[in-house]
Amino acid sequence: MALMMVRARQREANEISALGRVVLRSCGGALAGAVREQLDAHQLRVRHAARHRFPEATKNTTVTGSATGVAAENALRSVRELLLTTSANPSDHTSLAIRLSLVKAREEELGRAIREAESQLRAHGAPDSQEARRLRSERDELEKAQASLSAHGEYVKSKLTALGKYTTRLDAALAWAMETRARLALADNVPTATPSDLDTVIKDKETEIREVLENYNNIERECVAAKQTVSPEVRERVLKLKEDWSFIRDSSRKPQDEVPVKASSTPRASIERQMDSEKSESQLGKFFWLSVAVT
């Protein structure tokens, strides 16, 4: 702004000098000498003012440009550090939420830096100067960083949504497994269901349980890629689900693999009657042979 004022004063001084030369040509003698002296004095004052004000104006412009450049560089450095040197835990809701907040904060910093660069470009009097080219390059770099940051923000949002859906399915599967295991573990409370009924219930849930466990394997791989460990909250629930699911499947096999074999038994009364009959026949035989012998 100060530089523009200095240039405006210089234009006014040049116009006054041009008008003075026109007047000087119309004058003669002592009047011409007096007009010439006034013009020379005016030129001296203009040059003296320019020597004092132009460096100050140039200094202010340089300071403003430097401050803008520093702010832009700080914003770019913050974005690079966020995207290249840090990562969120894809299995931790809190970590992802914090990451999204950091992305929004960096986006605001970039937005301010871009607006400042555009303001400097509009105020610059020479669009083809080196300073103008620097400002345009700076603005373009800021806009590229903003695009990358925006894409990363959308990625984090999608991970938050996916994690929320997964934990909902995990909680539902774990609740069913815990309830089913508790009923199977208490023999007195087991419903009068046949093994085929239990197999049907397990088959209905098997696909759902398998998908939950496979999705957990995917989360583990994502955590390894991000150099993070799986959130204890998720890991402990999955381990509990695996344990209960294994118990339920083993229980469903027991009625088929461990069927007790009952030995056939003869009633005691029948055995006693058979022994009495054999004893009577034996005694009758002895009497017959004795009678034969006497005869």
Protein backbone atom coordinates (compact mmCIF):
# COMPACT_ATOMS: atom_id res chain seq x y z
CA MET A 1 0.00 0.00 0.00
CA ALA A 2 2.80 2.45 0.87
CA LEU A 3 4.59 1.62 -2.37
CA MET A 4 1.48 2.47 -4.35
CA MET A 5 1.23 5.86 -2.56
CA VAL A 6 4.88 6.68 -3.42
CA ARG A 7 4.27 5.87 -7.08
CA ALA A 8 1.12 8.04 -7.09
CA ARG A 9 3.08 10.98 -5.64
CA GLN A 10 5.73 10.53 -8.33
CA ARG A 11 3.09 10.68 -11.05
CA GLU A 12 1.67 13.87 -9.56
CA ALA A 13 5.16 15.42 -9.41
CA ASN A 14 5.81 14.54 -13.04
CA GLU A 15 2.52 16.15 -14.08
CA ILE A 16 3.40 19.34 -12.16
CA SER A 17 6.82 19.48 -13.80
CA ALA A 18 5.28 19.08 -17.25
CA LEU A 19 2.82 21.93 -16.61
CA GLY A 20 5.66 24.09 -15.21
CA ARG A 21 7.67 23.65 -18.41
CA VAL A 22 4.66 24.81 -20.43
CA VAL A 23 4.34 27.91 -18.24
CA LEU A 24 8.08 28.51 -18.41
CA ARG A 25 8.00 28.68 -22.20
CA SER A 26 5.37 31.41 -21.99
CA CYS A 27 7.38 33.53 -19.55
CA GLY A 28 10.44 35.63 -20.01
CA GLY A 29 12.99 37.61 -18.05
CA ALA A 30 12.81 37.60 -14.25
CA LEU A 31 9.46 35.76 -14.18
CA ALA A 32 10.91 32.85 -16.11
CA GLY A 33 13.83 32.65 -13.69
CA ALA A 34 11.44 32.62 -10.70
CA VAL A 35 9.30 29.85 -12.23
CA ARG A 36 12.42 27.80 -12.98
CA GLU A 37 13.60 28.10 -9.38
CA GLN A 38 10.22 26.92 -8.08
CA LEU A 39 10.24 23.93 -10.43
CA ASP A 40 13.75 22.96 -9.37
CA ALA A 41 12.83 23.24 -5.71
CA HIS A 42 9.78 21.09 -6.28
CA GLN A 43 11.86 18.42 -8.03
CA LEU A 44 14.30 18.38 -5.13
CA ARG A 45 11.50 17.89 -2.62
CA VAL A 46 10.00 15.04 -4.69
CA ARG A 47 13.35 13.26 -5.00
CA HIS A 48 14.06 13.71 -1.31
CA ALA A 49 10.65 12.27 -0.34
CA ALA A 50 11.10 9.36 -2.74
CA ARG A 51 14.49 8.47 -1.22
CA HIS A 52 12.91 8.20 2.26
CA ARG A 53 9.54 6.65 1.43
CA PHE A 54 10.45 4.13 -1.29
CA PRO A 55 12.83 2.03 0.88
CA GLU A 56 10.25 2.00 3.67
CA ALA A 57 7.50 0.92 1.29
CA THR A 58 9.75 -1.74 -0.24
CA LYS A 59 10.67 -2.99 3.24
CA ASN A 60 7.01 -3.27 4.27
CA THR A 61 6.21 -5.18 1.09
CA THR A 62 9.13 -7.53 1.67
CA VAL A 63 8.12 -8.12 5.29
CA THR A 64 4.53 -8.83 4.30
CA GLY A 65 5.63 -11.21 1.56
CA SER A 66 8.05 -12.92 3.92
CA ALA A 67 5.37 -13.33 6.57
CA THR A 68 3.03 -14.80 3.98
CA GLY A 69 5.72 -17.19 2.83
CA VAL A 70 6.49 -18.30 6.38
CA ALA A 71 2.82 -18.97 7.11
CA ALA A 72 2.47 -20.97 3.91
CA GLU A 73 5.59 -23.00 4.62
CA ASN A 74 4.42 -23.75 8.15
CA ALA A 75 1.05 -24.93 6.84
CA LEU A 76 2.71 -27.16 4.23
CA ARG A 77 5.10 -28.60 6.80
CA SER A 78 2.22 -29.46 9.13
CA VAL A 79 0.41 -31.26 6.31
CA ARG A 80 3.50 -33.24 5.32
CA GLU A 81 4.09 -34.30 8.92
CA LEU A 82 0.47 -35.39 9.30
CA LEU A 83 0.29 -37.38 6.06
CA LEU A 84 3.81 -38.83 5.88
CA THR A 85 5.09 -39.33 9.42
CA THR A 86 1.97 -40.20 11.47
CA SER A 87 -0.91 -42.64 11.10
CA ALA A 88 -4.17 -43.42 12.88
CA ASN A 89 -5.10 -46.81 14.34
CA PRO A 90 -7.76 -48.28 12.00
CA SER A 91 -9.17 -50.39 14.85
CA ASP A 92 -9.50 -47.55 17.37
CA HIS A 93 -12.49 -45.20 17.14
CA THR A 94 -10.84 -42.55 19.33
CA SER A 95 -7.65 -42.55 17.25
CA LEU A 96 -9.61 -42.12 14.01
CA ALA A 97 -11.72 -39.32 15.50
CA ILE A 98 -8.61 -37.44 16.63
CA ARG A 99 -7.09 -37.93 13.19
CA LEU A 100 -10.15 -36.42 11.55
CA SER A 101 -9.98 -33.40 13.88
CA LEU A 102 -6.32 -32.86 12.94
CA VAL A 103 -7.20 -33.03 9.25
CA LYS A 104 -9.87 -30.36 9.69
CA ALA A 105 -7.45 -28.11 11.59
CA ARG A 106 -4.82 -28.43 8.84
CA GLU A 107 -7.44 -27.69 6.20
CA GLU A 108 -8.27 -24.43 7.98
CA GLU A 109 -4.57 -23.47 8.08
CA LEU A 110 -4.19 -24.17 4.37
CA GLY A 111 -7.34 -22.21 3.60
CA ARG A 112 -6.00 -19.12 5.41
CA ALA A 113 -2.64 -19.40 3.64
CA ILE A 114 -4.33 -19.71 0.24
CA ARG A 115 -6.54 -16.68 0.87
CA GLU A 116 -3.51 -14.64 1.96
CA ALA A 117 -1.55 -15.61 -1.15
CA GLU A 118 -4.47 -14.66 -3.40
CA SER A 119 -4.83 -11.33 -1.58
CA GLN A 120 -1.14 -10.59 -2.13
CA LEU A 121 -1.48 -11.45 -5.81
CA ARG A 122 -4.43 -9.08 -6.28
CA ALA A 123 -2.58 -6.27 -4.53
CA HIS A 124 0.61 -6.79 -6.52
CA GLY A 125 1.10 -4.16 -9.20
CA ALA A 126 3.31 -6.23 -11.50
CA PRO A 127 1.73 -9.63 -12.32
CA ASP A 128 4.84 -10.77 -14.22
CA SER A 129 7.35 -9.88 -11.52
CA GLN A 130 9.39 -12.43 -9.61
CA GLU A 131 7.36 -11.85 -6.46
CA ALA A 132 4.11 -12.46 -8.33
CA ARG A 133 5.45 -15.70 -9.78
CA ARG A 134 6.52 -16.80 -6.31
CA LEU A 135 3.07 -16.09 -4.91
CA ARG A 136 1.38 -18.04 -7.71
CA SER A 137 3.69 -21.01 -7.20
CA GLU A 138 3.06 -20.87 -3.46
CA ARG A 139 -0.71 -20.77 -3.98
CA ASP A 140 -0.61 -23.73 -6.39
CA GLU A 141 1.41 -25.80 -3.90
CA LEU A 142 -1.01 -24.96 -1.14
CA GLU A 143 -3.97 -26.00 -3.29
CA LYS A 144 -2.32 -29.35 -4.11
CA ALA A 145 -1.72 -29.97 -0.42
CA GLN A 146 -5.33 -29.07 0.30
CA ALA A 147 -6.55 -31.63 -2.27
CA SER A 148 -4.38 -34.38 -0.76
CA LEU A 149 -5.54 -33.48 2.74
CA SER A 150 -9.18 -33.49 1.68
CA ALA A 151 -8.81 -36.96 0.14
CA HIS A 152 -7.19 -38.22 3.33
CA GLY A 153 -10.04 -36.76 5.36
CA GLU A 154 -12.58 -38.70 3.28
CA TYR A 155 -10.54 -41.86 3.81
CA VAL A 156 -10.56 -41.38 7.58
CA LYS A 157 -14.32 -40.78 7.53
CA SER A 158 -14.86 -44.03 5.62
CA LYS A 159 -12.71 -45.92 8.15
CA LEU A 160 -14.72 -44.47 11.03
CA THR A 161 -17.98 -45.55 9.39
CA ALA A 162 -16.66 -49.05 8.60
CA LEU A 163 -15.34 -49.53 12.14
CA GLY A 164 -18.67 -48.46 13.61
CA LYS A 165 -20.54 -51.01 11.47
CA TYR A 166 -18.05 -53.76 12.33
CA THR A 167 -18.24 -53.21 16.08
CA THR A 168 -22.04 -53.31 15.87
CA ARG A 169 -21.92 -56.73 14.15
CA LEU A 170 -19.24 -57.93 16.56
CA ASP A 171 -21.33 -56.97 19.58
CA ALA A 172 -24.41 -58.73 18.19
CA ALA A 173 -22.49 -61.93 17.39
CA LEU A 174 -20.79 -61.94 20.80
CA ALA A 175 -24.07 -61.42 22.65
CA TRP A 176 -25.64 -64.39 20.84
CA ALA A 177 -22.60 -66.61 21.45
CA MET A 178 -22.44 -65.80 25.16
CA GLU A 179 -26.15 -66.45 25.67
CA THR A 180 -26.07 -69.71 23.71
CA ARG A 181 -23.00 -70.95 25.58
CA ALA A 182 -24.58 -70.15 28.93
CA ARG A 183 -27.67 -72.20 28.06
CA LEU A 184 -25.61 -75.13 26.83
CA ALA A 185 -23.36 -75.06 29.91
CA LEU A 186 -26.32 -75.39 32.30
CA ALA A 187 -27.73 -78.87 31.71
CA ASP A 188 -30.90 -78.20 33.69
CA ASN A 189 -31.75 -75.20 31.55
CA VAL A 190 -31.10 -76.81 28.17
CA PRO A 191 -34.32 -76.80 26.17
CA THR A 192 -35.71 -80.10 24.94
CA ALA A 193 -34.16 -79.64 21.54
CA THR A 194 -32.87 -82.45 19.40
CA PRO A 195 -29.33 -82.36 17.95
CA SER A 196 -30.75 -81.49 14.55
CA ASP A 197 -32.39 -78.38 16.01
CA LEU A 198 -29.07 -77.24 17.48
CA ASP A 199 -27.33 -77.87 14.17
CA THR A 200 -29.90 -75.71 12.42
CA VAL A 201 -29.31 -72.80 14.82
CA ILE A 202 -25.53 -73.08 14.39
CA LYS A 203 -25.77 -73.22 10.59
CA ASP A 204 -27.93 -70.09 10.62
CA LYS A 205 -25.23 -68.20 12.54
CA GLU A 206 -22.15 -69.81 11.03
CA THR A 207 -21.91 -67.48 8.02
CA GLU A 208 -22.34 -64.39 10.17
CA ILE A 209 -19.72 -65.51 12.71
CA ARG A 210 -17.24 -66.43 9.98
CA GLU A 211 -17.61 -63.00 8.31
CA VAL A 212 -17.02 -61.23 11.62
CA LEU A 213 -13.84 -63.22 12.22
CA GLU A 214 -12.59 -62.72 8.65
CA ASN A 215 -13.18 -58.98 8.90
CA TYR A 216 -11.10 -58.99 12.06
CA ASN A 217 -8.25 -60.57 10.09
CA ASN A 218 -8.51 -57.70 7.60
CA ILE A 219 -8.34 -55.18 10.45
CA GLU A 220 -5.22 -56.91 11.76
CA ARG A 221 -3.53 -56.56 8.37
CA GLU A 222 -4.47 -52.86 8.19
CA CYS A 223 -2.99 -52.29 11.63
CA VAL A 224 0.25 -53.99 10.61
CA ALA A 225 0.44 -51.76 7.51
CA ALA A 226 -0.14 -48.67 9.69
CA LYS A 227 2.45 -49.89 12.24
CA GLN A 228 -0.24 -50.05 14.90
CA THR A 229 -1.57 -52.77 17.20
CA VAL A 230 -5.18 -53.85 17.23
CA SER A 231 -7.26 -51.98 19.78
CA PRO A 232 -7.61 -54.04 23.01
CA GLU A 233 -11.32 -53.31 23.03
CA VAL A 234 -11.79 -55.03 19.66
CA ARG A 235 -9.19 -57.77 20.19
CA GLU A 236 -10.59 -58.97 23.53
CA ARG A 237 -14.13 -59.18 22.21
CA VAL A 238 -13.01 -61.16 19.16
CA LEU A 239 -11.04 -63.61 21.32
CA LYS A 240 -14.13 -64.11 23.51
CA LEU A 241 -16.25 -64.71 20.41
CA LYS A 242 -13.78 -67.34 19.13
CA GLU A 243 -13.80 -69.12 22.50
CA ASP A 244 -17.60 -69.20 22.79
CA TRP A 245 -18.05 -70.20 19.16
CA SER A 246 -15.64 -73.13 19.60
CA PHE A 247 -17.53 -74.29 22.70
CA ILE A 248 -20.87 -74.13 20.87
CA ARG A 249 -19.60 -76.13 17.90
CA ASP A 250 -18.05 -78.78 20.16
CA SER A 251 -21.30 -79.07 22.10
CA SER A 252 -23.24 -79.63 18.90
CA ARG A 253 -21.07 -82.67 18.06
CA LYS A 254 -21.36 -84.45 21.44
CA PRO A 255 -24.87 -85.92 20.98
CA GLN A 256 -23.74 -87.54 17.74
CA ASP A 257 -20.27 -88.75 18.74
CA GLU A 258 -20.90 -89.80 22.34
CA VAL A 259 -24.20 -91.72 22.25
CA PRO A 260 -24.23 -94.17 25.22
CA VAL A 261 -24.84 -97.84 24.35
CA LYS A 262 -27.27 -99.58 26.73
CA ALA A 263 -26.69 -103.28 27.44
CA SER A 264 -29.69 -105.63 27.16
CA SER A 265 -30.94 -107.00 30.50
CA THR A 266 -33.18 -109.95 31.52
CA PRO A 267 -35.69 -109.48 34.37
CA ARG A 268 -34.67 -111.11 37.63
CA ALA A 269 -38.03 -112.88 38.09
CA SER A 270 -37.70 -114.58 34.72
CA ILE A 271 -34.24 -115.88 35.63
CA GLU A 272 -35.51 -117.29 38.93
CA ARG A 273 -38.42 -119.10 37.22
CA GLN A 274 -36.02 -120.64 34.69
CA MET A 275 -33.71 -121.90 37.49
CA ASP A 276 -36.66 -123.46 39.40
CA SER A 277 -37.84 -125.24 36.24
CA GLU A 278 -34.41 -126.69 35.55
CA LYS A 279 -34.15 -127.88 39.19
CA SER A 280 -37.53 -129.59 39.01
CA GLU A 281 -36.64 -131.38 35.77
CA SER A 282 -33.37 -132.58 37.33
CA GLN A 283 -35.16 -134.03 40.37
CA LEU A 284 -37.79 -135.70 38.18
CA GLY A 285 -35.05 -137.33 36.11
CA LYS A 286 -33.34 -138.77 39.20
CA PHE A 287 -36.65 -140.24 40.44
CA PHE A 288 -37.27 -141.87 37.05
CA TRP A 289 -33.90 -143.59 36.95
CA LEU A 290 -34.29 -144.80 40.58
CA SER A 291 -37.66 -146.34 39.72
CA VAL A 292 -36.15 -148.08 36.75
CA ALA A 293 -33.35 -149.43 38.84
CA VAL A 294 -35.73 -150.88 41.52
CA THR A 295 -37.85 -152.57 38.91
